[in-house]
Every structure is written in structure tokens, then in C-alpha cells.
Amino acid sequence: ESVHAWDRLTLVNGISQFLRDSALEWYCQLRLSHRRPQTWTEFEDLFLAQFNSPIRKAKQEQEWHECKQKENETINEFLVRLRALWREQKPKETEIDLVKHLLRRMRNDILTMIGVSHNASLDEVMIAAQEVEDIIYRRAKGERLAKQIKQVSSSSKIASHD
């Protein structure tokens, strides 16, 4: 509606251009069987009945409970993943609640170094977490460089003794 300034009738008539994969296949089957929705509300009801199954809901609920920041996942990537699940699982919660979930589920190495209060805004938490990620990255880079220097030094000593 907002991107194309379409009213709901135009939207329901043009929705097929925005659908992909199994949603587009499902919609084409509706059209072939002459069951195409005539109103936006009818489309929403049919779409949710098709794609919001109890199995999908249970799977998402499980994903929510297991959602933790992965070792190789940046805080930005994690927030995108967490927020998508959060919107589905906790639609009535506020950003303050999201911050609490984020703090509980981020990697421990970031959390221990973050240094923000528990009532910090999402932006404050993200800025602090990004700074910590930068510190962790620079430390790891320094450690790799020191290890390489040590290896080169050891190789040089061995070669000079031969």
C-alpha cells in the first residue's frame, strides 16, 4: 500500500507480482481453481491459513527459545535474526523488551565487555557491542600476527642452524 499508493482492491488484484516460490505457486493454484480472493481481508485470511500452520508456529517457537548469537555472527546479523523471531513470537512487546532479550542472548565475550546499563536503549547497546566486536577482532588479528612472526622466527632459526 505505502510503496505503490495502491488501495486494497488494487493490491489484492496485483498481489501476484509480489509473491515468490511456494506463495506464488499457491496463489496460481487459487486462480486456476477460480477461488481467487476478491478482497484484501479474504486474501489475508487465506494466506495465513495456508502459511501460518501449527507446525510452522511450533518451529518458530523452538527457534525463539534456542536463539543465541553464534560465534561467527556479528551483533548486527544477530539482531536482524532475533528481531524477526521476536516480532513473530512477542508482537506486544516493546523495544525495551527486545533489548533485554538481546542482552540475554548475545555472546558472553561481548556481554562481559559491553559496559552498558540494563536500561540502555537499543542504539546504545548496539554501538557498545559493535565497539566490543572491533576490540575482539583487533585482538584476534594481533594474536594471529604474533603467531605468524613466531613461526617465521622459528623457521629462520632452524634454517640458520642447518
Protein backbone atom coordinates (compact mmCIF):
# COMPACT_ATOMS: atom_id res chain seq x y z
CA GLU A 1 0.00 0.00 0.00
CA SER A 2 2.63 2.52 1.04
CA VAL A 3 5.20 1.85 -1.70
CA HIS A 4 2.81 1.99 -4.66
CA ALA A 5 0.00 4.02 -3.04
CA TRP A 6 -2.42 1.28 -4.02
CA ASP A 7 -5.79 0.86 -2.37
CA ARG A 8 -6.71 -2.57 -1.04
CA LEU A 9 -8.64 -3.62 -4.16
CA THR A 10 -5.71 -2.77 -6.44
CA LEU A 11 -3.39 -4.53 -4.00
CA VAL A 12 -5.40 -7.76 -3.96
CA ASN A 13 -5.62 -7.68 -7.77
CA GLY A 14 -1.87 -7.13 -8.17
CA ILE A 15 -0.54 -9.21 -5.29
CA SER A 16 0.79 -11.98 -7.53
CA GLN A 17 3.70 -9.78 -8.67
CA PHE A 18 4.97 -9.63 -5.06
CA LEU A 19 4.69 -13.33 -4.25
CA ARG A 20 7.57 -15.78 -4.67
CA ASP A 21 8.22 -19.52 -4.52
CA SER A 22 5.53 -21.58 -2.75
CA ALA A 23 3.38 -18.49 -2.10
CA LEU A 24 3.22 -17.71 -5.83
CA GLU A 25 2.51 -21.35 -6.67
CA TRP A 26 -0.28 -21.41 -4.08
CA TYR A 27 -1.80 -18.20 -5.47
CA CYS A 28 -1.66 -19.51 -9.06
CA GLN A 29 -3.47 -22.66 -7.94
CA LEU A 30 -6.17 -20.47 -6.34
CA ARG A 31 -6.62 -18.63 -9.63
CA LEU A 32 -6.78 -21.87 -11.64
CA SER A 33 -9.44 -23.26 -9.32
CA HIS A 34 -11.39 -19.96 -9.56
CA ARG A 35 -11.02 -19.37 -5.82
CA ARG A 36 -9.00 -16.16 -6.11
CA PRO A 37 -9.77 -13.85 -3.18
CA GLN A 38 -11.90 -10.82 -4.05
CA THR A 39 -10.97 -8.63 -1.06
CA TRP A 40 -7.76 -7.93 0.83
CA THR A 41 -9.23 -9.35 4.03
CA GLU A 42 -10.14 -12.56 2.20
CA PHE A 43 -6.58 -12.77 0.81
CA GLU A 44 -5.08 -12.26 4.30
CA ASP A 45 -7.29 -14.97 5.78
CA LEU A 46 -6.46 -17.47 3.02
CA PHE A 47 -2.74 -16.63 3.10
CA LEU A 48 -2.46 -17.01 6.87
CA ALA A 49 -4.45 -20.24 6.82
CA GLN A 50 -2.06 -21.60 4.18
CA PHE A 51 1.27 -20.41 5.56
CA ASN A 52 0.81 -20.00 9.30
CA SER A 53 0.33 -23.63 10.21
CA PRO A 54 0.68 -25.00 13.76
CA ILE A 55 3.85 -26.82 12.66
CA ARG A 56 5.38 -23.55 11.43
CA LYS A 57 4.38 -21.80 14.65
CA ALA A 58 5.90 -24.60 16.75
CA LYS A 59 9.11 -24.48 14.71
CA GLN A 60 9.38 -20.72 15.16
CA GLU A 61 8.70 -21.01 18.87
CA GLN A 62 11.53 -23.56 19.13
CA GLU A 63 13.83 -21.24 17.14
CA TRP A 64 12.95 -18.42 19.54
CA HIS A 65 13.83 -20.47 22.61
CA GLU A 66 17.13 -21.62 21.09
CA CYS A 67 18.05 -18.23 19.61
CA LYS A 68 21.55 -17.26 20.77
CA GLN A 69 24.24 -15.29 19.00
CA LYS A 70 26.54 -17.65 17.10
CA GLU A 71 30.31 -17.50 17.46
CA ASN A 72 30.86 -16.22 13.92
CA GLU A 73 27.80 -13.94 13.84
CA THR A 74 28.14 -10.17 14.17
CA ILE A 75 25.87 -8.31 16.54
CA ASN A 76 24.13 -6.69 13.55
CA GLU A 77 23.44 -10.05 11.92
CA PHE A 78 22.21 -11.44 15.22
CA LEU A 79 19.88 -8.51 15.83
CA VAL A 80 18.25 -9.00 12.41
CA ARG A 81 17.67 -12.70 13.17
CA LEU A 82 16.50 -12.06 16.73
CA ARG A 83 14.17 -9.21 15.73
CA ALA A 84 12.47 -11.32 13.03
CA LEU A 85 11.71 -14.06 15.57
CA TRP A 86 10.80 -11.52 18.26
CA ARG A 87 8.19 -9.83 16.06
CA GLU A 88 6.53 -13.18 15.45
CA GLN A 89 6.79 -14.53 18.98
CA LYS A 90 6.35 -11.37 21.05
CA PRO A 91 4.21 -8.95 18.97
CA LYS A 92 3.02 -6.99 22.02
CA GLU A 93 6.46 -6.34 23.48
CA THR A 94 8.31 -3.04 23.24
CA GLU A 95 11.87 -2.19 22.20
CA ILE A 96 12.83 -2.22 25.89
CA ASP A 97 11.88 -5.91 25.96
CA LEU A 98 13.88 -6.54 22.78
CA VAL A 99 16.96 -5.02 24.45
CA LYS A 100 16.53 -7.39 27.39
CA HIS A 101 16.29 -10.38 25.05
CA LEU A 102 19.34 -9.15 23.12
CA LEU A 103 21.44 -8.79 26.27
CA ARG A 104 20.45 -12.28 27.47
CA ARG A 105 21.19 -13.94 24.14
CA MET A 106 24.34 -12.24 22.88
CA ARG A 107 27.71 -13.95 23.06
CA ASN A 108 29.24 -13.96 26.54
CA ASP A 109 32.55 -12.48 25.36
CA ILE A 110 30.69 -9.41 24.10
CA LEU A 111 28.33 -9.18 27.06
CA THR A 112 31.14 -9.23 29.64
CA MET A 113 32.93 -6.34 27.90
CA ILE A 114 29.92 -4.27 26.83
CA GLY A 115 29.58 -1.99 29.84
CA VAL A 116 26.07 -0.62 29.30
CA SER A 117 23.34 -0.29 31.88
CA HIS A 118 20.40 -2.68 31.71
CA ASN A 119 18.08 0.22 30.86
CA ALA A 120 20.15 1.29 27.82
CA SER A 121 18.42 1.90 24.51
CA LEU A 122 18.80 -0.48 21.59
CA ASP A 123 21.05 2.02 19.81
CA GLU A 124 23.29 2.35 22.88
CA VAL A 125 23.59 -1.43 23.22
CA MET A 126 24.34 -1.86 19.52
CA ILE A 127 27.01 0.86 19.47
CA ALA A 128 28.69 -0.60 22.56
CA ALA A 129 28.51 -4.16 21.17
CA GLN A 130 29.99 -3.05 17.84
CA GLU A 131 32.86 -1.37 19.68
CA VAL A 132 33.49 -4.58 21.64
CA GLU A 133 33.40 -6.62 18.44
CA ASP A 134 36.03 -4.28 16.99
CA ILE A 135 38.24 -4.77 20.07
CA ILE A 136 37.84 -8.57 19.89
CA TYR A 137 38.66 -8.51 16.17
CA ARG A 138 41.77 -6.38 16.67
CA ARG A 139 42.98 -8.64 19.50
CA ALA A 140 42.50 -11.77 17.39
CA LYS A 141 44.28 -10.11 14.49
CA GLY A 142 47.18 -9.17 16.76
CA GLU A 143 47.37 -12.71 18.12
CA ARG A 144 47.43 -14.15 14.57
CA LEU A 145 50.17 -11.72 13.58
CA ALA A 146 52.25 -12.57 16.68
CA LYS A 147 51.82 -16.28 15.93
CA GLN A 148 52.96 -15.75 12.33
CA ILE A 149 56.01 -13.78 13.48
CA LYS A 150 56.86 -16.52 15.96
CA GLN A 151 56.55 -19.17 13.24
CA VAL A 152 58.73 -17.16 10.83
CA SER A 153 61.27 -16.59 13.61
CA SER A 154 61.34 -20.31 14.45
CA SER A 155 61.74 -21.18 10.79
CA SER A 156 64.63 -18.70 10.45
CA LYS A 157 66.43 -20.18 13.49
CA ILE A 158 66.04 -23.70 12.16
CA ALA A 159 67.32 -22.64 8.72
CA SER A 160 70.36 -20.81 10.20
CA HIS A 161 71.36 -23.93 12.17
CA ASP A 162 71.39 -26.09 9.04
